[in-house]
């Protein structure tokens, strides 16, 4: 799972804007995986993985076939995923307020994606990529936060420069 997480993280950090469907699929997979862990007994890891894959595939299909709706849903899913990751970092993931945090994070993501889509793709894919990379390493919260900011910033700069270098006609978003 760590290798898969690293590969997804690097891909999103460097090219998340260009492969919108992959960003949404990764976020759906990881949220499905995490939520399944609350409802499926630990000895049923195969079922947990299947639920994660099904959630990811559902998000990808939504992205491919209902593009307008997918933008808002994608923003919600990605915002909720980022909120979930930070709740885990700060020890709130077992709190009854977790659902509220997920809804607030999702709502912020949905608004961002609906209003400023291209910029949101770069920002959120860089953040999700950085989170995935950093989750594969055990770090103290201060080091995690510092490296999160560093990696996210590097991803934002890289994707922005790539978009500027390729120009709008070559850097189209792949749905």
C-alpha atoms as a PDB file:
ATOM      1  CA  UNK A   1       0.000   0.000   0.000  1.00  0.00           C
ATOM      2  CA  UNK A   2       2.906   2.372   0.747  1.00  0.00           C
ATOM      3  CA  UNK A   3       4.298   2.035  -2.802  1.00  0.00           C
ATOM      4  CA  UNK A   4       0.839   2.664  -4.287  1.00  0.00           C
ATOM      5  CA  UNK A   5       0.473   5.723  -2.067  1.00  0.00           C
ATOM      6  CA  UNK A   6       3.889   7.074  -3.116  1.00  0.00           C
ATOM      7  CA  UNK A   7       3.150   6.570  -6.822  1.00  0.00           C
ATOM      8  CA  UNK A   8      -0.238   8.286  -6.514  1.00  0.00           C
ATOM      9  CA  UNK A   9       1.330  11.095  -4.488  1.00  0.00           C
ATOM     10  CA  UNK A  10       4.129  11.820  -6.951  1.00  0.00           C
ATOM     11  CA  UNK A  11       1.756  11.634  -9.938  1.00  0.00           C
ATOM     12  CA  UNK A  12      -0.663  14.072  -8.330  1.00  0.00           C
ATOM     13  CA  UNK A  13       2.064  16.381  -7.079  1.00  0.00           C
ATOM     14  CA  UNK A  14       3.558  16.744 -10.558  1.00  0.00           C
ATOM     15  CA  UNK A  15       0.632  16.298 -12.958  1.00  0.00           C
ATOM     16  CA  UNK A  16      -2.601  16.495 -10.971  1.00  0.00           C
ATOM     17  CA  UNK A  17      -3.968  19.397 -12.983  1.00  0.00           C
ATOM     18  CA  UNK A  18      -3.655  17.520 -16.245  1.00  0.00           C
ATOM     19  CA  UNK A  19      -5.321  14.299 -15.071  1.00  0.00           C
ATOM     20  CA  UNK A  20      -8.400  15.514 -13.226  1.00  0.00           C
ATOM     21  CA  UNK A  21     -10.046  12.084 -13.346  1.00  0.00           C
ATOM     22  CA  UNK A  22      -7.011  10.501 -11.635  1.00  0.00           C
ATOM     23  CA  UNK A  23      -7.089  13.114  -8.865  1.00  0.00           C
ATOM     24  CA  UNK A  24     -10.785  12.490  -8.231  1.00  0.00           C
ATOM     25  CA  UNK A  25     -10.347   8.707  -8.458  1.00  0.00           C
ATOM     26  CA  UNK A  26      -7.474   8.733  -5.941  1.00  0.00           C
ATOM     27  CA  UNK A  27      -9.422  10.889  -3.508  1.00  0.00           C
ATOM     28  CA  UNK A  28     -12.518   8.676  -3.885  1.00  0.00           C
ATOM     29  CA  UNK A  29     -10.446   5.519  -3.397  1.00  0.00           C
ATOM     30  CA  UNK A  30      -8.735   6.838  -0.276  1.00  0.00           C
ATOM     31  CA  UNK A  31     -11.929   8.183   1.301  1.00  0.00           C
ATOM     32  CA  UNK A  32     -13.718   4.916   0.507  1.00  0.00           C
ATOM     33  CA  UNK A  33     -10.839   2.982   2.039  1.00  0.00           C
ATOM     34  CA  UNK A  34     -10.793   5.105   5.182  1.00  0.00           C
ATOM     35  CA  UNK A  35     -14.562   5.099   5.694  1.00  0.00           C
ATOM     36  CA  UNK A  36     -14.756   1.348   5.096  1.00  0.00           C
ATOM     37  CA  UNK A  37     -12.312   0.862   7.960  1.00  0.00           C
ATOM     38  CA  UNK A  38     -14.985   2.227  10.314  1.00  0.00           C
ATOM     39  CA  UNK A  39     -17.624  -0.268   9.176  1.00  0.00           C
ATOM     40  CA  UNK A  40     -15.732  -3.396   8.081  1.00  0.00           C
ATOM     41  CA  UNK A  41     -14.010  -5.625  10.658  1.00  0.00           C
ATOM     42  CA  UNK A  42     -10.169  -5.421  10.533  1.00  0.00           C
ATOM     43  CA  UNK A  43      -9.878  -9.062   9.448  1.00  0.00           C
ATOM     44  CA  UNK A  44     -11.785  -8.241   6.231  1.00  0.00           C
ATOM     45  CA  UNK A  45      -9.069  -6.143   4.575  1.00  0.00           C
ATOM     46  CA  UNK A  46     -10.003  -7.464   1.127  1.00  0.00           C
ATOM     47  CA  UNK A  47     -13.518  -6.065   1.488  1.00  0.00           C
ATOM     48  CA  UNK A  48     -12.122  -2.740   2.707  1.00  0.00           C
ATOM     49  CA  UNK A  49      -9.876  -2.568  -0.375  1.00  0.00           C
ATOM     50  CA  UNK A  50     -12.786  -3.504  -2.692  1.00  0.00           C
ATOM     51  CA  UNK A  51     -14.923  -0.734  -1.190  1.00  0.00           C
ATOM     52  CA  UNK A  52     -12.067   1.744  -1.727  1.00  0.00           C
ATOM     53  CA  UNK A  53     -11.634   0.659  -5.352  1.00  0.00           C
ATOM     54  CA  UNK A  54     -15.399   0.857  -5.951  1.00  0.00           C
ATOM     55  CA  UNK A  55     -15.517   4.395  -4.531  1.00  0.00           C
ATOM     56  CA  UNK A  56     -12.558   5.418  -6.713  1.00  0.00           C
ATOM     57  CA  UNK A  57     -14.082   3.905  -9.862  1.00  0.00           C
ATOM     58  CA  UNK A  58     -17.426   5.553  -9.111  1.00  0.00           C
ATOM     59  CA  UNK A  59     -15.693   8.927  -8.785  1.00  0.00           C
ATOM     60  CA  UNK A  60     -13.785   8.398 -12.054  1.00  0.00           C
ATOM     61  CA  UNK A  61     -16.984   7.429 -13.894  1.00  0.00           C
ATOM     62  CA  UNK A  62     -18.761  10.475 -12.509  1.00  0.00           C
ATOM     63  CA  UNK A  63     -15.863  12.628 -13.698  1.00  0.00           C
ATOM     64  CA  UNK A  64     -15.915  11.148 -17.187  1.00  0.00           C
ATOM     65  CA  UNK A  65     -19.662  11.147 -17.806  1.00  0.00           C
ATOM     66  CA  UNK A  66     -21.074  14.051 -15.785  1.00  0.00           C
ATOM     67  CA  UNK A  67     -18.384  16.695 -16.077  1.00  0.00           C
ATOM     68  CA  UNK A  68     -20.343  19.684 -14.753  1.00  0.00           C
ATOM     69  CA  UNK A  69     -21.649  17.793 -11.733  1.00  0.00           C
ATOM     70  CA  UNK A  70     -18.272  16.135 -11.277  1.00  0.00           C
ATOM     71  CA  UNK A  71     -16.509  19.449 -10.721  1.00  0.00           C
ATOM     72  CA  UNK A  72     -18.548  20.235  -7.602  1.00  0.00           C
ATOM     73  CA  UNK A  73     -18.504  16.628  -6.376  1.00  0.00           C
ATOM     74  CA  UNK A  74     -14.764  16.392  -7.009  1.00  0.00           C
ATOM     75  CA  UNK A  75     -14.145  19.547  -5.033  1.00  0.00           C
ATOM     76  CA  UNK A  76     -16.221  18.146  -2.194  1.00  0.00           C
ATOM     77  CA  UNK A  77     -14.472  14.756  -2.211  1.00  0.00           C
ATOM     78  CA  UNK A  78     -10.983  16.263  -2.402  1.00  0.00           C
ATOM     79  CA  UNK A  79     -11.745  18.883   0.277  1.00  0.00           C
ATOM     80  CA  UNK A  80     -13.144  16.160   2.548  1.00  0.00           C
ATOM     81  CA  UNK A  81     -10.072  14.000   1.914  1.00  0.00           C
ATOM     82  CA  UNK A  82      -7.696  16.807   2.903  1.00  0.00           C
ATOM     83  CA  UNK A  83      -9.779  17.517   6.015  1.00  0.00           C
ATOM     84  CA  UNK A  84      -9.713  13.803   6.903  1.00  0.00           C
ATOM     85  CA  UNK A  85      -5.932  13.644   6.594  1.00  0.00           C
ATOM     86  CA  UNK A  86      -5.429  16.626   8.863  1.00  0.00           C
ATOM     87  CA  UNK A  87      -7.937  15.245  11.364  1.00  0.00           C
ATOM     88  CA  UNK A  88      -5.793  12.124  11.581  1.00  0.00           C
ATOM     89  CA  UNK A  89      -2.620  14.165  12.028  1.00  0.00           C
ATOM     90  CA  UNK A  90      -4.104  16.124  14.918  1.00  0.00           C
ATOM     91  CA  UNK A  91      -5.867  13.162  16.537  1.00  0.00           C
ATOM     92  CA  UNK A  92      -9.460  14.131  15.736  1.00  0.00           C
ATOM     93  CA  UNK A  93     -10.243  11.134  13.498  1.00  0.00           C
ATOM     94  CA  UNK A  94     -12.100   9.276  16.277  1.00  0.00           C
ATOM     95  CA  UNK A  95     -14.125  12.311  17.342  1.00  0.00           C
ATOM     96  CA  UNK A  96     -17.872  12.532  16.688  1.00  0.00           C
ATOM     97  CA  UNK A  97     -17.067  15.876  15.063  1.00  0.00           C
ATOM     98  CA  UNK A  98     -15.201  14.124  12.249  1.00  0.00           C
ATOM     99  CA  UNK A  99     -18.313  14.143  10.046  1.00  0.00           C
ATOM    100  CA  UNK A 100     -18.718  17.873  10.567  1.00  0.00           C
ATOM    101  CA  UNK A 101     -15.062  18.428   9.673  1.00  0.00           C
ATOM    102  CA  UNK A 102     -15.487  16.325   6.506  1.00  0.00           C
ATOM    103  CA  UNK A 103     -18.583  18.275   5.482  1.00  0.00           C
ATOM    104  CA  UNK A 104     -16.902  21.647   6.072  1.00  0.00           C
ATOM    105  CA  UNK A 105     -13.736  20.560   4.212  1.00  0.00           C
ATOM    106  CA  UNK A 106     -15.872  19.180   1.395  1.00  0.00           C
ATOM    107  CA  UNK A 107     -17.934  22.356   1.139  1.00  0.00           C
ATOM    108  CA  UNK A 108     -14.794  24.499   0.944  1.00  0.00           C
ATOM    109  CA  UNK A 109     -13.418  22.225  -1.783  1.00  0.00           C
ATOM    110  CA  UNK A 110     -16.699  22.324  -3.739  1.00  0.00           C
ATOM    111  CA  UNK A 111     -16.798  26.129  -3.647  1.00  0.00           C
ATOM    112  CA  UNK A 112     -13.155  26.412  -4.723  1.00  0.00           C
ATOM    113  CA  UNK A 113     -13.620  23.989  -7.631  1.00  0.00           C
ATOM    114  CA  UNK A 114     -16.835  25.657  -8.778  1.00  0.00           C
ATOM    115  CA  UNK A 115     -15.412  29.190  -8.706  1.00  0.00           C
ATOM    116  CA  UNK A 116     -11.747  28.823  -9.709  1.00  0.00           C
ATOM    117  CA  UNK A 117     -11.415  25.423 -11.331  1.00  0.00           C
ATOM    118  CA  UNK A 118      -7.902  25.536 -12.864  1.00  0.00           C
ATOM    119  CA  UNK A 119      -6.257  27.085  -9.832  1.00  0.00           C
ATOM    120  CA  UNK A 120      -8.123  24.670  -7.554  1.00  0.00           C
ATOM    121  CA  UNK A 121      -6.858  21.704  -9.545  1.00  0.00           C
ATOM    122  CA  UNK A 122      -3.273  22.821  -9.120  1.00  0.00           C
ATOM    123  CA  UNK A 123      -3.664  23.669  -5.414  1.00  0.00           C
ATOM    124  CA  UNK A 124      -5.653  20.613  -4.395  1.00  0.00           C
ATOM    125  CA  UNK A 125      -3.714  18.072  -6.472  1.00  0.00           C
ATOM    126  CA  UNK A 126      -0.455  19.415  -5.032  1.00  0.00           C
ATOM    127  CA  UNK A 127      -1.835  19.173  -1.495  1.00  0.00           C
ATOM    128  CA  UNK A 128      -3.221  15.663  -1.986  1.00  0.00           C
ATOM    129  CA  UNK A 129       0.034  14.538  -3.617  1.00  0.00           C
ATOM    130  CA  UNK A 130       2.079  15.957  -0.738  1.00  0.00           C
ATOM    131  CA  UNK A 131      -0.210  14.293   1.817  1.00  0.00           C
ATOM    132  CA  UNK A 132       0.080  10.907   0.127  1.00  0.00           C
ATOM    133  CA  UNK A 133       3.860  11.123  -0.028  1.00  0.00           C
ATOM    134  CA  UNK A 134       4.192  12.219   3.597  1.00  0.00           C
ATOM    135  CA  UNK A 135       1.789   9.591   4.925  1.00  0.00           C
ATOM    136  CA  UNK A 136       4.175   6.883   3.836  1.00  0.00           C
ATOM    137  CA  UNK A 137       6.775   8.211   6.311  1.00  0.00           C
ATOM    138  CA  UNK A 138       6.423   8.516  10.095  1.00  0.00           C
ATOM    139  CA  UNK A 139       6.996  12.155  11.060  1.00  0.00           C
ATOM    140  CA  UNK A 140       6.316  14.406  14.014  1.00  0.00           C
ATOM    141  CA  UNK A 141       3.452  16.889  13.396  1.00  0.00           C
ATOM    142  CA  UNK A 142       5.826  19.873  13.104  1.00  0.00           C
ATOM    143  CA  UNK A 143       8.045  18.122  10.526  1.00  0.00           C
ATOM    144  CA  UNK A 144       4.952  16.840   8.708  1.00  0.00           C
ATOM    145  CA  UNK A 145       3.500  20.363   8.498  1.00  0.00           C
ATOM    146  CA  UNK A 146       6.782  21.873   7.305  1.00  0.00           C
ATOM    147  CA  UNK A 147       7.303  19.213   4.626  1.00  0.00           C
ATOM    148  CA  UNK A 148       3.643  19.415   3.610  1.00  0.00           C
ATOM    149  CA  UNK A 149       4.031  23.139   2.918  1.00  0.00           C
ATOM    150  CA  UNK A 150       7.353  22.564   1.136  1.00  0.00           C
ATOM    151  CA  UNK A 151       6.090  19.725  -1.104  1.00  0.00           C
ATOM    152  CA  UNK A 152       2.762  21.427  -1.834  1.00  0.00           C
ATOM    153  CA  UNK A 153       4.555  24.621  -2.826  1.00  0.00           C
ATOM    154  CA  UNK A 154       6.954  22.671  -5.054  1.00  0.00           C
ATOM    155  CA  UNK A 155       3.999  20.914  -6.726  1.00  0.00           C
ATOM    156  CA  UNK A 156       2.151  24.192  -7.260  1.00  0.00           C
ATOM    157  CA  UNK A 157       5.230  25.825  -8.786  1.00  0.00           C
ATOM    158  CA  UNK A 158       5.990  22.788 -10.980  1.00  0.00           C
ATOM    159  CA  UNK A 159       2.429  22.470 -12.295  1.00  0.00           C
ATOM    160  CA  UNK A 160       2.129  26.227 -12.883  1.00  0.00           C
ATOM    161  CA  UNK A 161       5.431  26.353 -14.784  1.00  0.00           C
ATOM    162  CA  UNK A 162       4.439  23.260 -16.793  1.00  0.00           C
ATOM    163  CA  UNK A 163       1.119  24.872 -17.692  1.00  0.00           C
ATOM    164  CA  UNK A 164       2.868  28.085 -18.754  1.00  0.00           C
ATOM    165  CA  UNK A 165       5.544  26.211 -20.715  1.00  0.00           C
ATOM    166  CA  UNK A 166       3.135  23.950 -22.593  1.00  0.00           C
ATOM    167  CA  UNK A 167       0.639  26.699 -23.211  1.00  0.00           C
ATOM    168  CA  UNK A 168      -3.112  26.402 -22.898  1.00  0.00           C
ATOM    169  CA  UNK A 169      -3.575  24.223 -25.992  1.00  0.00           C
ATOM    170  CA  UNK A 170      -1.118  21.495 -24.831  1.00  0.00           C
ATOM    171  CA  UNK A 171      -1.936  21.546 -21.129  1.00  0.00           C
ATOM    172  CA  UNK A 172      -5.638  20.873 -21.445  1.00  0.00           C
ATOM    173  CA  UNK A 173      -7.240  19.029 -18.585  1.00  0.00           C
ATOM    174  CA  UNK A 174      -7.814  15.366 -19.300  1.00  0.00           C
ATOM    175  CA  UNK A 175     -11.260  14.284 -18.193  1.00  0.00           C
END
